[in-house]
Protein backbone atom coordinates (compact mmCIF):
# COMPACT_ATOMS: atom_id res chain seq x y z
CA UNK A 1 1.02 -18.86 11.17
CA UNK A 2 3.56 -21.01 9.29
CA UNK A 3 7.31 -20.47 9.83
CA UNK A 4 6.77 -16.93 11.04
CA UNK A 5 4.79 -15.93 7.94
CA UNK A 6 1.18 -14.89 7.44
CA UNK A 7 -1.00 -15.50 4.38
CA UNK A 8 -4.02 -13.50 3.29
CA UNK A 9 -6.39 -14.06 0.42
CA UNK A 10 -7.51 -10.67 -0.87
CA UNK A 11 -10.03 -9.73 -3.55
CA UNK A 12 -11.97 -6.80 -4.95
CA UNK A 13 -13.92 -5.46 -7.91
CA UNK A 14 -11.28 -3.00 -9.15
CA UNK A 15 -7.59 -2.23 -8.67
CA UNK A 16 -5.00 0.17 -10.05
CA UNK A 17 -1.28 -0.21 -9.34
CA UNK A 18 0.00 2.68 -11.41
CA UNK A 19 3.14 2.28 -13.49
CA UNK A 20 5.34 5.33 -12.70
CA UNK A 21 6.73 5.55 -16.25
CA UNK A 22 3.25 6.31 -17.67
CA UNK A 23 3.39 9.88 -16.27
CA UNK A 24 -0.01 11.59 -16.38
CA UNK A 25 -2.37 8.77 -17.33
CA UNK A 26 -2.95 5.94 -14.87
CA UNK A 27 -2.00 2.56 -16.31
CA UNK A 28 -1.93 -0.37 -13.91
CA UNK A 29 0.65 -3.11 -13.59
CA UNK A 30 -1.01 -6.47 -14.38
CA UNK A 31 -0.43 -7.62 -10.79
CA UNK A 32 -0.34 -6.03 -7.33
CA UNK A 33 2.98 -4.41 -6.35
CA UNK A 34 4.85 -5.33 -3.14
CA UNK A 35 4.21 -1.84 -1.73
CA UNK A 36 0.44 -2.18 -2.26
CA UNK A 37 0.53 -5.65 -0.68
CA UNK A 38 2.47 -4.25 2.29
CA UNK A 39 -0.19 -1.54 2.63
CA UNK A 40 -2.90 -4.19 3.05
CA UNK A 41 -0.98 -5.83 5.92
CA UNK A 42 -0.32 -2.39 7.45
CA UNK A 43 -4.05 -1.58 7.31
CA UNK A 44 -4.78 -4.66 9.42
CA UNK A 45 -1.96 -4.29 11.95
CA UNK A 46 0.78 -1.69 12.26
CA UNK A 47 2.47 -0.51 15.44
CA UNK A 48 4.69 2.45 16.12
CA UNK A 49 5.12 5.73 17.95
CA UNK A 50 4.45 9.24 16.63
CA UNK A 51 6.32 12.09 18.28
CA UNK A 52 7.03 15.73 17.55
CA UNK A 53 10.43 17.40 17.40
CA UNK A 54 9.81 21.10 17.05
CA UNK A 55 7.63 21.56 13.99
CA UNK A 56 8.45 18.13 12.57
CA UNK A 57 6.30 15.05 13.07
CA UNK A 58 8.31 11.81 13.29
CA UNK A 59 6.98 8.27 13.10
CA UNK A 60 9.00 5.50 14.73
CA UNK A 61 7.70 2.09 13.54
CA UNK A 62 8.31 -0.97 15.68
CA UNK A 63 8.52 -3.22 12.61
CA UNK A 64 7.86 -3.38 8.88
CA UNK A 65 6.16 -5.98 6.71
CA UNK A 66 8.32 -7.94 4.27
CA UNK A 67 6.19 -9.33 1.44
CA UNK A 68 7.57 -12.72 0.39
CA UNK A 69 5.22 -14.09 -2.25
CA UNK A 70 2.33 -12.89 -4.39
CA UNK A 71 0.09 -15.53 -5.98
CA UNK A 72 -2.21 -14.44 -8.79
CA UNK A 73 -5.51 -16.31 -8.45
CA UNK A 74 -7.38 -14.57 -11.29
CA UNK A 75 -5.88 -13.70 -14.67
CA UNK A 76 -5.44 -9.92 -15.08
CA UNK A 77 -8.26 -8.20 -16.98
CA UNK A 78 -8.24 -4.49 -17.78
CA UNK A 79 -11.06 -1.97 -17.79
CA UNK A 80 -10.92 1.65 -19.00
CA UNK A 81 -12.21 4.27 -16.55
CA UNK A 82 -12.32 8.05 -16.50
CA UNK A 83 -11.83 9.41 -12.99
CA UNK A 84 -12.08 12.88 -11.45
CA UNK A 85 -9.01 13.63 -9.33
CA UNK A 86 -9.00 16.53 -6.89
CA UNK A 87 -5.86 18.66 -7.22
CA UNK A 88 -5.81 20.11 -3.70
CA UNK A 89 -4.34 18.36 -0.67
CA UNK A 90 -5.83 17.83 2.76
CA UNK A 91 -4.46 20.56 5.07
CA UNK A 92 -1.81 19.94 7.71
CA UNK A 93 -2.54 18.03 10.93
CA UNK A 94 -2.71 21.24 12.97
CA UNK A 95 -5.45 22.63 10.74
CA UNK A 96 -7.44 19.39 10.83
CA UNK A 97 -7.18 19.30 14.63
CA UNK A 98 -8.41 22.89 14.84
CA UNK A 99 -11.41 21.97 12.68
CA UNK A 100 -12.21 18.95 14.85
CA UNK A 101 -12.00 20.98 18.06
CA UNK A 102 -14.14 23.79 16.64
CA UNK A 103 -11.43 26.44 16.93
CA UNK A 104 -11.57 27.15 13.19
CA UNK A 105 -14.29 26.97 10.57
CA UNK A 106 -13.84 23.91 8.29
CA UNK A 107 -13.17 24.68 4.65
CA UNK A 108 -14.30 22.00 2.16
CA UNK A 109 -12.26 20.95 -0.85
CA UNK A 110 -14.42 21.60 -3.91
CA UNK A 111 -14.27 19.19 -6.80
CA UNK A 112 -15.24 21.84 -9.36
CA UNK A 113 -14.43 25.48 -9.70
CA UNK A 114 -11.46 27.66 -8.85
CA UNK A 115 -10.67 31.18 -7.76
CA UNK A 116 -13.00 32.81 -10.29
CA UNK A 117 -16.02 30.67 -9.39
CA UNK A 118 -15.47 30.09 -5.66
CA UNK A 119 -13.41 33.08 -4.63
CA UNK A 120 -10.67 30.78 -3.28
CA UNK A 121 -7.27 29.58 -4.43
CA UNK A 122 -8.44 25.98 -4.79
CA UNK A 123 -7.42 24.22 -7.97
CA UNK A 124 -10.54 22.12 -8.51
CA UNK A 125 -10.23 18.75 -10.21
CA UNK A 126 -8.89 17.16 -13.36
CA UNK A 127 -10.12 14.20 -15.40
CA UNK A 128 -7.68 11.38 -16.07
CA UNK A 129 -7.98 8.20 -18.09
CA UNK A 130 -7.32 5.07 -16.04
CA UNK A 131 -6.55 1.56 -17.24
CA UNK A 132 -7.49 -0.39 -14.14
CA UNK A 133 -7.86 -4.09 -13.32
CA UNK A 134 -11.18 -5.73 -12.57
CA UNK A 135 -12.22 -8.73 -10.47
CA UNK A 136 -8.79 -9.21 -8.89
CA UNK A 137 -7.87 -11.92 -6.39
CA UNK A 138 -4.47 -12.60 -4.84
CA UNK A 139 -2.89 -14.71 -2.12
CA UNK A 140 -0.28 -12.68 -0.24
CA UNK A 141 2.39 -14.03 2.08
CA UNK A 142 4.45 -11.74 4.31
CA UNK A 143 6.36 -11.69 7.59
CA UNK A 144 7.15 -9.16 10.29
CA UNK A 145 10.69 -7.73 10.43
CA UNK A 146 11.20 -5.97 13.81
CA UNK A 147 13.20 -2.76 14.01
CA UNK A 148 16.31 -2.58 16.19
CA UNK A 149 15.42 -2.95 19.85
CA UNK A 150 12.09 -4.71 19.27
CA UNK A 151 13.19 -8.25 18.39
CA UNK A 152 11.93 -9.49 21.77
CA UNK A 153 8.38 -8.41 20.80
CA UNK A 154 8.35 -10.56 17.64
CA UNK A 155 5.93 -13.12 19.09
CA UNK A 156 3.58 -10.42 20.39
CA UNK A 157 3.46 -8.70 16.98
CA UNK A 158 2.62 -11.99 15.22
CA UNK A 159 -0.08 -12.89 17.73
CA UNK A 160 -1.71 -9.46 17.43
CA UNK A 161 -1.83 -9.61 13.65
CA UNK A 162 -3.18 -13.16 13.54
CA UNK A 163 -5.94 -12.33 16.03
CA UNK A 164 -6.98 -9.16 14.20
CA UNK A 165 -6.88 -10.74 10.72
CA UNK A 166 -8.92 -13.76 11.76
CA UNK A 167 -11.59 -11.45 13.21
CA UNK A 168 -11.65 -9.25 10.11
CA UNK A 169 -10.40 -6.19 11.99
CA UNK A 170 -8.45 -3.36 10.38
CA UNK A 171 -7.40 0.18 11.32
CA UNK A 172 -8.53 1.44 7.93
CA UNK A 173 -10.17 -0.17 4.91
CA UNK A 174 -7.46 -1.91 2.84
CA UNK A 175 -7.46 -0.89 -0.80
CA UNK A 176 -5.97 -1.87 -4.16
CA UNK A 177 -3.77 1.06 -5.16
CA UNK A 178 -6.50 3.74 -4.91
CA UNK A 179 -8.74 4.32 -1.90
CA UNK A 180 -11.88 4.09 -4.04
CA UNK A 181 -10.96 0.45 -4.83
CA UNK A 182 -11.52 -1.40 -1.50
CA UNK A 183 -9.85 -4.74 -0.81
CA UNK A 184 -11.46 -7.53 1.20
CA UNK A 185 -9.38 -10.13 3.00
CA UNK A 186 -9.43 -13.51 4.72
CA UNK A 187 -6.70 -15.02 6.89
CA UNK A 188 -5.57 -18.44 5.65
CA UNK A 189 -4.25 -21.31 7.73
CA UNK A 190 -1.65 -23.12 5.62
CA UNK A 191 -1.42 -25.71 4.28
CA UNK A 192 -5.00 -25.51 3.00
CA UNK A 193 -5.94 -28.38 0.69
CA UNK A 194 -8.98 -26.43 -0.51
CA UNK A 195 -6.95 -23.37 -1.49
CA UNK A 196 -7.41 -22.15 -5.04
CA UNK A 197 -4.32 -22.85 -7.19
CA UNK A 198 -2.53 -19.90 -8.85
CA UNK A 199 -3.60 -18.92 -12.35
CA UNK A 200 -1.72 -20.24 -15.37
CA UNK A 201 0.30 -17.07 -15.94
CA UNK A 202 3.93 -16.65 -16.98
CA UNK A 203 5.12 -13.12 -17.67
CA UNK A 204 8.27 -11.04 -17.39
CA UNK A 205 7.15 -7.63 -16.08
CA UNK A 206 10.53 -5.93 -16.29
CA UNK A 207 11.48 -3.47 -13.58
CA UNK A 208 8.55 -3.13 -11.18
CA UNK A 209 8.00 -0.70 -8.33
CA UNK A 210 9.04 -2.32 -5.04
CA UNK A 211 8.29 0.48 -2.56
CA UNK A 212 8.35 4.24 -2.07
CA UNK A 213 9.72 4.15 1.52
CA UNK A 214 13.11 3.15 2.90
CA UNK A 215 11.97 0.16 4.98
CA UNK A 216 15.32 0.03 6.79
CA UNK A 217 14.87 3.39 8.54
CA UNK A 218 13.98 3.45 12.24
CA UNK A 219 12.27 6.85 11.95
CA UNK A 220 10.22 8.47 9.18
CA UNK A 221 9.59 12.22 8.95
CA UNK A 222 6.52 13.69 7.29
CA UNK A 223 8.69 15.70 4.92
CA UNK A 224 10.96 12.80 3.87
CA UNK A 225 11.38 12.49 0.14
CA UNK A 226 10.15 9.29 -1.58
CA UNK A 227 12.71 6.47 -1.62
CA UNK A 228 11.88 4.68 -4.88
CA UNK A 229 13.08 1.08 -5.21
CA UNK A 230 12.63 -1.34 -8.13
CA UNK A 231 13.15 -5.02 -8.84
CA UNK A 232 13.10 -7.28 -11.89
CA UNK A 233 9.73 -9.04 -11.63
CA UNK A 234 8.95 -12.47 -13.10
CA UNK A 235 5.59 -14.22 -12.74
CA UNK A 236 6.11 -17.97 -13.03
CA UNK A 237 3.10 -20.29 -12.91
CA UNK A 238 1.06 -17.49 -11.37
CA UNK A 239 3.56 -16.79 -8.57
CA UNK A 240 5.65 -13.64 -8.10
CA UNK A 241 8.52 -14.25 -5.69
CA UNK A 242 9.49 -11.00 -3.95
CA UNK A 243 13.15 -10.60 -2.93
CA UNK A 244 14.02 -9.24 0.55
CA UNK A 245 14.32 -5.47 0.72
CA UNK A 246 17.98 -5.65 1.81
CA UNK A 247 19.00 -7.93 -1.08
CA UNK A 248 20.98 -6.78 -4.10
CA UNK A 249 18.03 -7.74 -6.32
CA UNK A 250 16.21 -4.61 -5.09
CA UNK A 251 17.56 -1.55 -6.92
CA UNK A 252 17.93 1.39 -4.51
CA UNK A 253 18.84 5.05 -5.15
CA UNK A 254 22.24 6.28 -4.01
CA UNK A 255 22.52 8.26 -0.81
CA UNK A 256 24.48 11.51 -0.41
């Protein structure tokens, strides 16, 4: 760990960081978004408390990851894919728990067919064209930002992440935008003289998706609406510097 930050080198065969303005078809940004990078760190180590208030499920995170820098190690290359996307959603937690405990009969989500063929109200699947990235590799640098009341645990959080990342542990498989595109990672001790230099890439990406959650909140409800934030992204010499979430460079929606 250098100056309270952690660095991962991540790579994979495919990736898709969908541009929201493309609507139906999936067209990837040429580089990983800060929210996708944060998701990789979360998959390795995230800590918080889930509680219920009536019918609502509330998550109280102890900290959030602030992505600082994204280094592009391989030039972006696109590949056209046609993917089948299931329209139905996984049922609520209570239904899943009942299935696991054997109190109810599990009902599969069918990829093909609808009410006429299956006798259910399932919507089946739809085919979508995807412009994805292939053979991606990045070097990600991020740091832990504790929530109010947990600043004293800062050292413990850092030690837990470093231990888990060095051993290749994760709570779930990290992925590049879509779960079918797994991401593999390695913890880096900096400075590393053998580290691969960033690719020769200079590009102005315009407004790029920063995140879909309000990282400042101390509690997140399951039914919270997305909190879309954007920032003006510039890749210079293969490096994308990510501004802090609280800075004015991150465009946030107004609150009522």
